Amino acid sequence: MVIVSISGSPAERVAAVRRYGTPAGPVVVAEAVALLESLLAAAAAHGVALADFDNVIDLPGGCLDVMVGKARQAGRGTERGR
C-alpha cells in the first residue's frame, strides 16, 4: 500500500476535487466543505484525521459527490412538481 498525505484545509481539499461533467456551484461546494468538516470532527473523537482517510479513500471527493447528488435530486424533484 502506498501512503499518501495531502495537505490543505477542508475547503482547499474540496476545491481541488475534479470530476467529469458540470462543475459544482459555490453553494454545493460550501455544503460539501461543511459535510467534510462535520465528518472530520466526528472522526477526531476516534483519533482519526483527514490524512488517515487519505490512505484509503478520497473523503473530500466523496463529500462533494454526495452533495452534488443531493442537488441533482432536489432539481429533479422540483422539475417534477414535487
N, C-alpha and C. Protein backbone atom coordinates (compact mmCIF):
# COMPACT_ATOMS: atom_id res chain seq x y z
N MET A 1 0.85 -1.18 0.00
CA MET A 1 0.00 0.00 0.00
C MET A 1 0.89 1.24 0.00
N VAL A 2 0.52 2.20 -0.80
CA VAL A 2 1.22 3.49 -0.86
C VAL A 2 0.49 4.45 0.07
N ILE A 3 1.22 5.07 0.96
CA ILE A 3 0.62 6.04 1.88
C ILE A 3 0.76 7.43 1.29
N VAL A 4 -0.36 8.11 1.18
CA VAL A 4 -0.40 9.44 0.58
C VAL A 4 -0.87 10.42 1.63
N SER A 5 -0.19 11.53 1.73
CA SER A 5 -0.63 12.59 2.63
C SER A 5 -0.73 13.88 1.82
N ILE A 6 -1.91 14.44 1.81
CA ILE A 6 -2.17 15.65 1.03
C ILE A 6 -2.51 16.75 2.01
N SER A 7 -1.84 17.87 1.90
CA SER A 7 -2.09 18.95 2.84
C SER A 7 -3.18 19.88 2.33
N GLY A 8 -3.68 20.70 3.21
CA GLY A 8 -4.68 21.69 2.85
C GLY A 8 -5.87 21.62 3.80
N SER A 9 -6.56 22.73 3.90
CA SER A 9 -7.76 22.80 4.73
C SER A 9 -8.88 22.02 4.06
N PRO A 10 -9.94 21.70 4.81
CA PRO A 10 -11.08 21.03 4.16
C PRO A 10 -11.59 21.80 2.94
N ALA A 11 -11.67 23.12 3.03
CA ALA A 11 -12.14 23.92 1.89
C ALA A 11 -11.19 23.79 0.70
N GLU A 12 -9.89 23.82 0.95
CA GLU A 12 -8.92 23.67 -0.13
C GLU A 12 -8.98 22.28 -0.75
N ARG A 13 -9.19 21.29 0.10
CA ARG A 13 -9.25 19.90 -0.39
C ARG A 13 -10.48 19.69 -1.27
N VAL A 14 -11.63 20.22 -0.87
CA VAL A 14 -12.84 20.08 -1.69
C VAL A 14 -12.67 20.86 -2.98
N ALA A 15 -12.09 22.05 -2.92
CA ALA A 15 -11.89 22.87 -4.12
C ALA A 15 -10.96 22.19 -5.12
N ALA A 16 -10.08 21.32 -4.64
CA ALA A 16 -9.12 20.64 -5.51
C ALA A 16 -9.72 19.43 -6.23
N VAL A 17 -10.91 19.01 -5.83
CA VAL A 17 -11.54 17.83 -6.44
C VAL A 17 -11.97 18.16 -7.87
N ARG A 18 -11.64 17.27 -8.78
CA ARG A 18 -12.02 17.43 -10.18
C ARG A 18 -12.83 16.22 -10.60
N ARG A 19 -13.99 16.47 -11.15
CA ARG A 19 -14.86 15.41 -11.64
C ARG A 19 -15.28 15.76 -13.06
N TYR A 20 -15.71 14.76 -13.81
CA TYR A 20 -16.25 15.00 -15.14
C TYR A 20 -17.63 15.63 -15.02
N GLY A 21 -18.04 16.35 -16.04
CA GLY A 21 -19.36 16.94 -16.05
C GLY A 21 -19.33 18.39 -15.60
N THR A 22 -20.51 18.89 -15.32
CA THR A 22 -20.67 20.28 -14.92
C THR A 22 -20.04 20.51 -13.55
N PRO A 23 -19.20 21.53 -13.41
CA PRO A 23 -18.60 21.81 -12.10
C PRO A 23 -19.68 22.16 -11.07
N ALA A 24 -19.42 21.79 -9.83
CA ALA A 24 -20.34 22.12 -8.74
C ALA A 24 -20.32 23.62 -8.50
N GLY A 25 -21.47 24.18 -8.20
CA GLY A 25 -21.57 25.60 -7.90
C GLY A 25 -21.08 25.90 -6.49
N PRO A 26 -20.94 27.17 -6.15
CA PRO A 26 -20.40 27.56 -4.85
C PRO A 26 -21.24 27.09 -3.66
N VAL A 27 -22.56 27.02 -3.82
CA VAL A 27 -23.41 26.55 -2.72
C VAL A 27 -23.15 25.08 -2.44
N VAL A 28 -23.07 24.29 -3.49
CA VAL A 28 -22.82 22.85 -3.34
C VAL A 28 -21.43 22.62 -2.76
N VAL A 29 -20.45 23.37 -3.22
CA VAL A 29 -19.10 23.24 -2.68
C VAL A 29 -19.09 23.58 -1.19
N ALA A 30 -19.77 24.65 -0.81
CA ALA A 30 -19.84 25.03 0.61
C ALA A 30 -20.51 23.94 1.45
N GLU A 31 -21.54 23.33 0.89
CA GLU A 31 -22.20 22.23 1.59
C GLU A 31 -21.27 21.03 1.73
N ALA A 32 -20.47 20.76 0.72
CA ALA A 32 -19.51 19.66 0.77
C ALA A 32 -18.44 19.93 1.82
N VAL A 33 -17.98 21.16 1.90
CA VAL A 33 -16.98 21.54 2.91
C VAL A 33 -17.57 21.37 4.30
N ALA A 34 -18.81 21.80 4.50
CA ALA A 34 -19.46 21.66 5.81
C ALA A 34 -19.61 20.19 6.18
N LEU A 35 -19.97 19.36 5.21
CA LEU A 35 -20.08 17.92 5.47
C LEU A 35 -18.72 17.34 5.85
N LEU A 36 -17.70 17.69 5.10
CA LEU A 36 -16.35 17.20 5.39
C LEU A 36 -15.90 17.63 6.78
N GLU A 37 -16.14 18.88 7.12
CA GLU A 37 -15.75 19.37 8.45
C GLU A 37 -16.50 18.63 9.55
N SER A 38 -17.77 18.34 9.35
CA SER A 38 -18.55 17.60 10.34
C SER A 38 -18.03 16.17 10.49
N LEU A 39 -17.73 15.52 9.37
CA LEU A 39 -17.20 14.16 9.43
C LEU A 39 -15.84 14.13 10.12
N LEU A 40 -15.01 15.12 9.83
CA LEU A 40 -13.69 15.17 10.46
C LEU A 40 -13.79 15.44 11.95
N ALA A 41 -14.75 16.24 12.37
CA ALA A 41 -14.95 16.49 13.80
C ALA A 41 -15.35 15.19 14.50
N ALA A 42 -16.23 14.42 13.89
CA ALA A 42 -16.63 13.14 14.47
C ALA A 42 -15.46 12.16 14.49
N ALA A 43 -14.68 12.14 13.41
CA ALA A 43 -13.55 11.23 13.32
C ALA A 43 -12.47 11.57 14.36
N ALA A 44 -12.30 12.86 14.64
CA ALA A 44 -11.28 13.29 15.60
C ALA A 44 -11.52 12.67 16.97
N ALA A 45 -12.78 12.45 17.32
CA ALA A 45 -13.10 11.83 18.61
C ALA A 45 -12.57 10.39 18.68
N HIS A 46 -12.24 9.84 17.52
CA HIS A 46 -11.71 8.48 17.44
C HIS A 46 -10.22 8.48 17.11
N GLY A 47 -9.61 9.67 17.14
CA GLY A 47 -8.19 9.78 16.84
C GLY A 47 -7.87 9.66 15.36
N VAL A 48 -8.85 9.93 14.50
CA VAL A 48 -8.67 9.79 13.06
C VAL A 48 -8.68 11.18 12.43
N ALA A 49 -7.71 11.43 11.54
CA ALA A 49 -7.59 12.71 10.85
C ALA A 49 -7.78 12.50 9.35
N LEU A 50 -7.87 13.58 8.62
CA LEU A 50 -8.04 13.51 7.17
C LEU A 50 -6.90 12.73 6.52
N ALA A 51 -5.69 12.89 7.02
CA ALA A 51 -4.55 12.15 6.48
C ALA A 51 -4.76 10.64 6.59
N ASP A 52 -5.45 10.19 7.64
CA ASP A 52 -5.74 8.77 7.80
C ASP A 52 -6.71 8.30 6.72
N PHE A 53 -7.70 9.13 6.40
CA PHE A 53 -8.62 8.79 5.33
C PHE A 53 -7.91 8.75 3.98
N ASP A 54 -6.95 9.67 3.79
CA ASP A 54 -6.23 9.75 2.52
C ASP A 54 -5.57 8.42 2.16
N ASN A 55 -5.26 7.61 3.15
CA ASN A 55 -4.61 6.33 2.88
C ASN A 55 -5.55 5.32 2.25
N VAL A 56 -6.87 5.54 2.39
CA VAL A 56 -7.81 4.52 1.91
C VAL A 56 -8.97 5.04 1.07
N ILE A 57 -9.27 6.33 1.15
CA ILE A 57 -10.46 6.84 0.46
C ILE A 57 -10.30 8.34 0.18
N ASP A 58 -10.95 8.80 -0.85
CA ASP A 58 -10.99 10.23 -1.18
C ASP A 58 -12.19 10.85 -0.47
N LEU A 59 -12.03 11.17 0.80
CA LEU A 59 -13.15 11.70 1.58
C LEU A 59 -13.63 13.06 1.07
N PRO A 60 -12.74 14.01 0.74
CA PRO A 60 -13.23 15.28 0.19
C PRO A 60 -14.03 15.07 -1.10
N GLY A 61 -13.54 14.20 -1.98
CA GLY A 61 -14.26 13.91 -3.22
C GLY A 61 -15.60 13.24 -2.96
N GLY A 62 -15.63 12.35 -1.99
CA GLY A 62 -16.88 11.69 -1.63
C GLY A 62 -17.91 12.67 -1.10
N CYS A 63 -17.46 13.62 -0.28
CA CYS A 63 -18.37 14.64 0.25
C CYS A 63 -18.94 15.49 -0.89
N LEU A 64 -18.10 15.85 -1.83
CA LEU A 64 -18.58 16.64 -2.97
C LEU A 64 -19.56 15.81 -3.81
N ASP A 65 -19.23 14.54 -4.04
CA ASP A 65 -20.13 13.68 -4.81
C ASP A 65 -21.51 13.58 -4.16
N VAL A 66 -21.53 13.42 -2.84
CA VAL A 66 -22.81 13.31 -2.12
C VAL A 66 -23.63 14.58 -2.28
N MET A 67 -23.00 15.72 -2.10
CA MET A 67 -23.75 16.98 -2.17
C MET A 67 -24.19 17.30 -3.60
N VAL A 68 -23.38 16.95 -4.59
CA VAL A 68 -23.79 17.12 -5.99
C VAL A 68 -25.00 16.23 -6.27
N GLY A 69 -24.95 14.99 -5.78
CA GLY A 69 -26.08 14.09 -5.97
C GLY A 69 -27.36 14.60 -5.33
N LYS A 70 -27.24 15.13 -4.11
CA LYS A 70 -28.41 15.70 -3.44
C LYS A 70 -28.97 16.89 -4.21
N ALA A 71 -28.08 17.73 -4.74
CA ALA A 71 -28.53 18.89 -5.51
C ALA A 71 -29.24 18.45 -6.78
N ARG A 72 -28.72 17.42 -7.42
CA ARG A 72 -29.36 16.91 -8.63
C ARG A 72 -30.73 16.33 -8.31
N GLN A 73 -30.83 15.59 -7.22
CA GLN A 73 -32.12 15.02 -6.82
C GLN A 73 -33.12 16.12 -6.51
N ALA A 74 -32.67 17.15 -5.83
CA ALA A 74 -33.57 18.26 -5.49
C ALA A 74 -34.04 18.95 -6.77
N GLY A 75 -33.16 19.11 -7.73
CA GLY A 75 -33.53 19.72 -9.00
C GLY A 75 -34.53 18.91 -9.77
N ARG A 76 -34.35 17.61 -9.78
CA ARG A 76 -35.31 16.72 -10.45
C ARG A 76 -36.66 16.75 -9.75
N GLY A 77 -36.65 16.80 -8.41
CA GLY A 77 -37.89 16.85 -7.67
C GLY A 77 -38.68 18.11 -7.97
N THR A 78 -37.97 19.21 -8.14
CA THR A 78 -38.61 20.49 -8.46
C THR A 78 -39.21 20.44 -9.86
N GLU A 79 -38.46 19.85 -10.79
CA GLU A 79 -38.94 19.75 -12.17
C GLU A 79 -40.19 18.89 -12.27
N ARG A 80 -40.32 17.92 -11.40
CA ARG A 80 -41.47 17.02 -11.45
C ARG A 80 -42.64 17.55 -10.62
N GLY A 81 -42.48 18.73 -10.07
CA GLY A 81 -43.58 19.33 -9.32
C GLY A 81 -43.75 18.77 -7.93
N ARG A 82 -42.69 18.22 -7.38
CA ARG A 82 -42.77 17.67 -6.02
C ARG A 82 -42.63 18.74 -4.97
